N, C-alpha and C. Protein backbone atom coordinates (compact mmCIF):
# COMPACT_ATOMS: atom_id res chain seq x y z
N MET A 1 11.84 79.52 -23.82
CA MET A 1 11.91 80.26 -25.06
C MET A 1 13.35 80.66 -25.28
N LYS A 2 13.84 80.40 -26.40
CA LYS A 2 15.22 80.76 -26.75
C LYS A 2 15.20 81.85 -27.84
N ILE A 3 15.82 82.97 -27.56
CA ILE A 3 15.84 84.03 -28.57
C ILE A 3 16.97 83.69 -29.55
N ILE A 4 16.62 83.67 -30.83
CA ILE A 4 17.59 83.34 -31.87
C ILE A 4 18.35 84.62 -32.27
N SER A 5 17.62 85.69 -32.60
CA SER A 5 18.31 86.89 -32.99
C SER A 5 17.38 88.08 -32.88
N LYS A 6 17.95 89.25 -32.76
CA LYS A 6 17.20 90.50 -32.83
C LYS A 6 17.71 91.27 -34.04
N LYS A 7 16.80 91.74 -34.86
CA LYS A 7 17.20 92.43 -36.08
C LYS A 7 16.39 93.70 -36.27
N THR A 8 16.91 94.59 -37.07
CA THR A 8 16.21 95.78 -37.47
C THR A 8 16.08 95.75 -38.96
N LYS A 9 14.88 95.98 -39.46
CA LYS A 9 14.61 95.93 -40.87
C LYS A 9 14.18 97.33 -41.34
N LYS A 10 14.68 97.75 -42.46
CA LYS A 10 14.29 99.03 -43.00
C LYS A 10 13.23 98.77 -44.06
N SER A 11 12.10 99.46 -43.95
CA SER A 11 11.09 99.37 -44.98
C SER A 11 10.94 100.75 -45.59
N SER A 12 10.99 100.84 -46.87
CA SER A 12 10.95 102.16 -47.49
C SER A 12 9.66 102.37 -48.28
N GLU A 13 9.09 103.53 -48.09
CA GLU A 13 7.93 103.93 -48.88
C GLU A 13 8.36 105.18 -49.64
N GLU A 14 7.44 105.88 -50.22
CA GLU A 14 7.78 107.09 -50.96
C GLU A 14 8.35 108.11 -50.03
N ASN A 15 9.59 108.48 -50.21
CA ASN A 15 10.27 109.54 -49.47
C ASN A 15 10.34 109.35 -47.96
N SER A 16 10.21 108.15 -47.46
CA SER A 16 10.33 107.89 -46.03
C SER A 16 10.95 106.56 -45.77
N VAL A 17 11.70 106.50 -44.68
CA VAL A 17 12.32 105.27 -44.25
C VAL A 17 11.89 105.03 -42.80
N GLU A 18 11.42 103.82 -42.52
CA GLU A 18 10.97 103.50 -41.16
C GLU A 18 11.73 102.25 -40.71
N LYS A 19 12.30 102.36 -39.52
CA LYS A 19 13.00 101.19 -38.97
C LYS A 19 12.00 100.36 -38.17
N VAL A 20 12.04 99.07 -38.41
CA VAL A 20 11.10 98.16 -37.71
C VAL A 20 11.91 97.14 -36.99
N LYS A 21 11.78 97.05 -35.66
CA LYS A 21 12.49 96.04 -34.88
C LYS A 21 11.65 94.78 -34.78
N TYR A 22 12.31 93.64 -34.97
CA TYR A 22 11.59 92.35 -34.80
C TYR A 22 12.56 91.37 -34.18
N GLU A 23 12.00 90.30 -33.69
CA GLU A 23 12.76 89.29 -32.99
C GLU A 23 12.39 87.93 -33.48
N ASN A 24 13.39 87.10 -33.75
CA ASN A 24 13.20 85.70 -34.05
C ASN A 24 13.38 84.90 -32.75
N PHE A 25 12.44 84.00 -32.48
CA PHE A 25 12.61 83.18 -31.30
C PHE A 25 12.03 81.79 -31.52
N ASN A 26 12.49 80.86 -30.67
CA ASN A 26 12.02 79.47 -30.72
C ASN A 26 11.32 79.17 -29.43
N SER A 27 10.05 78.75 -29.52
CA SER A 27 9.24 78.46 -28.36
C SER A 27 9.22 76.98 -28.01
N GLY A 28 9.96 76.17 -28.72
CA GLY A 28 9.90 74.74 -28.52
C GLY A 28 8.91 74.09 -29.46
N GLU A 29 8.04 74.88 -30.04
CA GLU A 29 7.04 74.41 -30.97
C GLU A 29 7.31 74.91 -32.40
N GLY A 30 8.40 75.66 -32.55
CA GLY A 30 8.74 76.16 -33.87
C GLY A 30 9.45 77.54 -33.74
N ASN A 31 9.90 78.05 -34.88
CA ASN A 31 10.52 79.37 -34.91
C ASN A 31 9.49 80.40 -35.30
N PHE A 32 9.53 81.56 -34.64
CA PHE A 32 8.55 82.61 -34.90
C PHE A 32 9.28 83.94 -35.06
N LYS A 33 8.65 84.86 -35.73
CA LYS A 33 9.15 86.24 -35.89
C LYS A 33 8.06 87.17 -35.39
N THR A 34 8.41 88.13 -34.56
CA THR A 34 7.42 89.07 -34.00
C THR A 34 7.96 90.47 -34.00
N LEU A 35 7.09 91.44 -34.07
CA LEU A 35 7.48 92.82 -33.97
C LEU A 35 7.53 93.25 -32.49
N PHE A 36 8.33 94.25 -32.19
CA PHE A 36 8.46 94.73 -30.82
C PHE A 36 7.30 95.71 -30.52
N SER A 37 6.13 95.24 -30.31
CA SER A 37 4.99 96.08 -29.95
C SER A 37 4.93 96.20 -28.42
N LYS A 38 4.11 97.16 -27.94
CA LYS A 38 3.95 97.33 -26.49
C LYS A 38 3.37 96.05 -25.87
N LYS A 39 2.41 95.46 -26.62
CA LYS A 39 1.78 94.21 -26.13
C LYS A 39 2.80 93.09 -26.02
N TYR A 40 3.68 92.97 -27.00
CA TYR A 40 4.71 91.93 -26.98
C TYR A 40 5.66 92.17 -25.81
N LEU A 41 6.09 93.39 -25.58
CA LEU A 41 7.05 93.67 -24.52
C LEU A 41 6.43 93.47 -23.14
N ALA A 42 5.11 93.61 -23.01
CA ALA A 42 4.45 93.50 -21.69
C ALA A 42 3.91 92.07 -21.48
N ARG A 43 4.17 91.15 -22.35
CA ARG A 43 3.62 89.79 -22.24
C ARG A 43 4.21 89.00 -21.09
N LYS A 44 3.51 87.92 -20.69
CA LYS A 44 4.05 86.99 -19.70
C LYS A 44 5.14 86.20 -20.41
N PRO A 45 6.16 85.81 -19.67
CA PRO A 45 7.18 84.98 -20.28
C PRO A 45 6.63 83.60 -20.64
N TYR A 46 7.12 83.01 -21.72
CA TYR A 46 6.65 81.71 -22.13
C TYR A 46 7.10 80.63 -21.18
N SER A 47 6.21 79.72 -20.83
CA SER A 47 6.59 78.58 -20.02
C SER A 47 5.92 77.33 -20.61
N PRO A 48 6.63 76.26 -20.75
CA PRO A 48 6.04 75.06 -21.37
C PRO A 48 4.92 74.49 -20.50
N VAL A 49 3.99 73.85 -21.13
CA VAL A 49 2.84 73.27 -20.41
C VAL A 49 3.30 72.08 -19.58
N ASN A 50 2.89 72.06 -18.30
CA ASN A 50 3.20 70.92 -17.43
C ASN A 50 2.05 69.95 -17.48
N PRO A 51 2.23 68.73 -17.97
CA PRO A 51 1.11 67.80 -18.13
C PRO A 51 0.56 67.28 -16.79
N LYS A 52 1.25 67.60 -15.67
CA LYS A 52 0.76 67.15 -14.37
C LYS A 52 -0.32 68.03 -13.81
N PHE A 53 -0.65 69.12 -14.50
CA PHE A 53 -1.70 70.06 -14.08
C PHE A 53 -2.75 70.14 -15.18
N VAL A 54 -4.02 70.08 -14.78
CA VAL A 54 -5.12 70.19 -15.74
C VAL A 54 -5.84 71.53 -15.47
N TYR A 55 -5.80 72.44 -16.45
CA TYR A 55 -6.42 73.75 -16.34
C TYR A 55 -7.66 73.83 -17.21
N SER A 56 -8.58 74.73 -16.85
CA SER A 56 -9.77 74.94 -17.67
C SER A 56 -9.39 75.78 -18.88
N ALA A 57 -9.86 75.37 -20.03
CA ALA A 57 -9.59 76.13 -21.28
C ALA A 57 -10.60 77.25 -21.45
N ILE A 58 -11.78 77.09 -20.86
CA ILE A 58 -12.87 78.04 -20.98
C ILE A 58 -13.55 78.18 -19.58
N PRO A 59 -14.20 79.29 -19.32
CA PRO A 59 -14.96 79.42 -18.06
C PRO A 59 -16.22 78.55 -18.10
N GLY A 60 -16.64 78.09 -16.94
CA GLY A 60 -17.85 77.26 -16.91
C GLY A 60 -18.15 76.76 -15.51
N THR A 61 -19.04 75.79 -15.46
CA THR A 61 -19.46 75.19 -14.20
C THR A 61 -19.13 73.72 -14.16
N ILE A 62 -18.59 73.25 -13.07
CA ILE A 62 -18.27 71.81 -12.92
C ILE A 62 -19.60 71.08 -12.64
N THR A 63 -19.95 70.15 -13.50
CA THR A 63 -21.27 69.45 -13.32
C THR A 63 -21.01 68.04 -12.82
N ASP A 64 -19.85 67.47 -12.99
CA ASP A 64 -19.61 66.08 -12.52
C ASP A 64 -18.08 65.85 -12.37
N ILE A 65 -17.70 65.18 -11.32
CA ILE A 65 -16.31 64.79 -11.13
C ILE A 65 -16.25 63.26 -11.09
N LEU A 66 -15.51 62.66 -11.99
CA LEU A 66 -15.53 61.22 -12.19
C LEU A 66 -14.36 60.49 -11.57
N VAL A 67 -13.46 61.21 -10.94
CA VAL A 67 -12.28 60.58 -10.30
C VAL A 67 -12.17 61.03 -8.84
N GLU A 68 -11.34 60.31 -8.10
CA GLU A 68 -11.11 60.65 -6.68
C GLU A 68 -9.60 60.77 -6.46
N VAL A 69 -9.21 61.44 -5.38
CA VAL A 69 -7.80 61.59 -5.02
C VAL A 69 -7.23 60.21 -4.77
N GLY A 70 -6.02 59.95 -5.35
CA GLY A 70 -5.36 58.67 -5.18
C GLY A 70 -5.70 57.68 -6.27
N GLU A 71 -6.65 57.96 -7.10
CA GLU A 71 -7.06 57.04 -8.16
C GLU A 71 -6.07 57.07 -9.30
N ASP A 72 -5.73 55.87 -9.83
CA ASP A 72 -4.88 55.78 -11.02
C ASP A 72 -5.76 55.95 -12.27
N VAL A 73 -5.33 56.85 -13.17
CA VAL A 73 -6.10 57.08 -14.39
C VAL A 73 -5.19 56.86 -15.61
N ASP A 74 -5.80 56.48 -16.72
CA ASP A 74 -5.11 56.32 -17.97
C ASP A 74 -5.24 57.59 -18.81
N GLU A 75 -4.27 57.79 -19.69
CA GLU A 75 -4.34 58.93 -20.60
C GLU A 75 -5.62 58.91 -21.39
N ASN A 76 -6.22 60.04 -21.59
CA ASN A 76 -7.47 60.26 -22.31
C ASN A 76 -8.73 59.73 -21.60
N SER A 77 -8.64 59.30 -20.35
CA SER A 77 -9.85 58.91 -19.60
C SER A 77 -10.50 60.18 -19.06
N VAL A 78 -11.81 60.20 -18.97
CA VAL A 78 -12.55 61.37 -18.54
C VAL A 78 -12.38 61.64 -17.05
N LEU A 79 -11.97 62.86 -16.70
CA LEU A 79 -11.74 63.24 -15.30
C LEU A 79 -12.97 63.93 -14.70
N LEU A 80 -13.51 64.86 -15.46
CA LEU A 80 -14.67 65.65 -15.01
C LEU A 80 -15.43 66.19 -16.18
N VAL A 81 -16.57 66.79 -15.88
CA VAL A 81 -17.41 67.37 -16.93
C VAL A 81 -17.57 68.88 -16.60
N LEU A 82 -17.25 69.73 -17.57
CA LEU A 82 -17.32 71.19 -17.42
C LEU A 82 -18.41 71.70 -18.35
N GLU A 83 -19.42 72.35 -17.82
CA GLU A 83 -20.52 72.88 -18.65
C GLU A 83 -20.17 74.34 -18.97
N ALA A 84 -20.15 74.62 -20.27
CA ALA A 84 -19.86 75.98 -20.74
C ALA A 84 -20.71 76.24 -21.99
N MET A 85 -21.39 77.36 -21.97
CA MET A 85 -22.26 77.76 -23.12
C MET A 85 -23.22 76.66 -23.46
N LYS A 86 -23.85 76.04 -22.47
CA LYS A 86 -24.87 74.98 -22.59
C LYS A 86 -24.32 73.72 -23.23
N MET A 87 -23.02 73.53 -23.18
CA MET A 87 -22.42 72.28 -23.69
C MET A 87 -21.68 71.56 -22.58
N GLN A 88 -21.78 70.24 -22.56
CA GLN A 88 -21.07 69.41 -21.59
C GLN A 88 -19.70 69.06 -22.17
N ASN A 89 -18.62 69.60 -21.61
CA ASN A 89 -17.29 69.35 -22.09
C ASN A 89 -16.60 68.32 -21.18
N LYS A 90 -16.21 67.19 -21.77
CA LYS A 90 -15.51 66.18 -21.00
C LYS A 90 -14.05 66.50 -20.94
N ILE A 91 -13.51 66.68 -19.76
CA ILE A 91 -12.11 67.01 -19.57
C ILE A 91 -11.38 65.70 -19.31
N THR A 92 -10.37 65.40 -20.17
CA THR A 92 -9.66 64.12 -20.10
C THR A 92 -8.26 64.28 -19.53
N ALA A 93 -7.71 63.15 -19.11
CA ALA A 93 -6.36 63.12 -18.53
C ALA A 93 -5.31 63.25 -19.63
N PRO A 94 -4.35 64.17 -19.44
CA PRO A 94 -3.29 64.36 -20.46
C PRO A 94 -2.22 63.27 -20.39
N ILE A 95 -2.13 62.58 -19.26
CA ILE A 95 -1.08 61.54 -19.04
C ILE A 95 -1.65 60.39 -18.24
N ASN A 96 -0.91 59.28 -18.21
CA ASN A 96 -1.22 58.19 -17.24
C ASN A 96 -0.69 58.66 -15.91
N GLY A 97 -1.42 58.48 -14.87
CA GLY A 97 -0.93 58.91 -13.55
C GLY A 97 -1.94 58.72 -12.42
N LYS A 98 -1.50 59.23 -11.29
CA LYS A 98 -2.32 59.12 -10.07
C LYS A 98 -2.79 60.52 -9.68
N VAL A 99 -4.05 60.64 -9.39
CA VAL A 99 -4.64 61.97 -9.03
C VAL A 99 -4.08 62.37 -7.64
N LYS A 100 -3.43 63.50 -7.60
CA LYS A 100 -2.80 63.99 -6.34
C LYS A 100 -3.80 64.90 -5.58
N LYS A 101 -4.48 65.78 -6.36
CA LYS A 101 -5.37 66.77 -5.73
C LYS A 101 -6.43 67.19 -6.70
N ILE A 102 -7.65 67.36 -6.21
CA ILE A 102 -8.74 67.89 -6.99
C ILE A 102 -9.08 69.25 -6.42
N ASP A 103 -8.88 70.31 -7.21
CA ASP A 103 -9.02 71.69 -6.77
C ASP A 103 -10.39 72.27 -6.99
N VAL A 104 -11.36 71.47 -7.49
CA VAL A 104 -12.73 71.92 -7.74
C VAL A 104 -13.71 70.99 -7.10
N LYS A 105 -14.95 71.41 -6.95
CA LYS A 105 -16.01 70.52 -6.48
C LYS A 105 -17.23 70.75 -7.39
N LYS A 106 -18.14 69.80 -7.34
CA LYS A 106 -19.33 69.85 -8.17
C LYS A 106 -20.11 71.16 -7.88
N GLY A 107 -20.48 71.86 -8.93
CA GLY A 107 -21.20 73.12 -8.79
C GLY A 107 -20.35 74.37 -8.82
N ASP A 108 -19.01 74.22 -8.76
CA ASP A 108 -18.12 75.37 -8.81
C ASP A 108 -18.18 76.05 -10.15
N LYS A 109 -18.23 77.40 -10.14
CA LYS A 109 -18.11 78.19 -11.35
C LYS A 109 -16.65 78.62 -11.42
N ILE A 110 -15.99 78.24 -12.49
CA ILE A 110 -14.55 78.52 -12.60
C ILE A 110 -14.25 79.40 -13.81
N PRO A 111 -13.19 80.23 -13.69
CA PRO A 111 -12.76 81.06 -14.84
C PRO A 111 -11.85 80.26 -15.77
N LYS A 112 -11.47 80.90 -16.85
CA LYS A 112 -10.51 80.32 -17.78
C LYS A 112 -9.15 80.22 -17.09
N ASN A 113 -8.38 79.18 -17.42
CA ASN A 113 -7.04 78.90 -16.91
C ASN A 113 -7.05 78.62 -15.40
N PHE A 114 -8.09 78.02 -14.89
CA PHE A 114 -8.18 77.67 -13.46
C PHE A 114 -7.66 76.27 -13.29
N LEU A 115 -6.82 76.05 -12.27
CA LEU A 115 -6.27 74.73 -11.97
C LEU A 115 -7.39 73.82 -11.41
N MET A 116 -7.65 72.72 -12.13
CA MET A 116 -8.74 71.84 -11.68
C MET A 116 -8.22 70.59 -11.02
N ILE A 117 -7.21 69.92 -11.60
CA ILE A 117 -6.72 68.63 -11.10
C ILE A 117 -5.21 68.61 -11.19
N GLU A 118 -4.57 68.01 -10.19
CA GLU A 118 -3.10 67.84 -10.19
C GLU A 118 -2.79 66.35 -10.14
N PHE A 119 -1.74 65.95 -10.87
CA PHE A 119 -1.26 64.57 -10.87
C PHE A 119 0.04 64.47 -10.11
N GLU A 120 0.37 63.25 -9.62
CA GLU A 120 1.65 63.06 -8.93
C GLU A 120 2.77 62.90 -9.95
């Protein structure tokens, strides 16, 4: 994340002036403007997504693993099936590559943002 500028803006209402701090920044996906709230100041620093790691987007249960360690996979091929909210979600490969490590096994209940598969 690259900070472009920090600015203070004055907003005026009837008989009052309030200073509002905001920040312009570029996250690699575009330019954004945000206020300096407590939540913003306490956030985790931005880090770009590494396509060699496959994380769970939602919590659920692993119902099937369709690849093995050392197997070559193509982009968008199905790696495993994650059941969440009574739906079978097919998790696909983000890149062409070789499976380095599988961090889950069939029947595992996993939380959101859990590392499931690593590529070389």
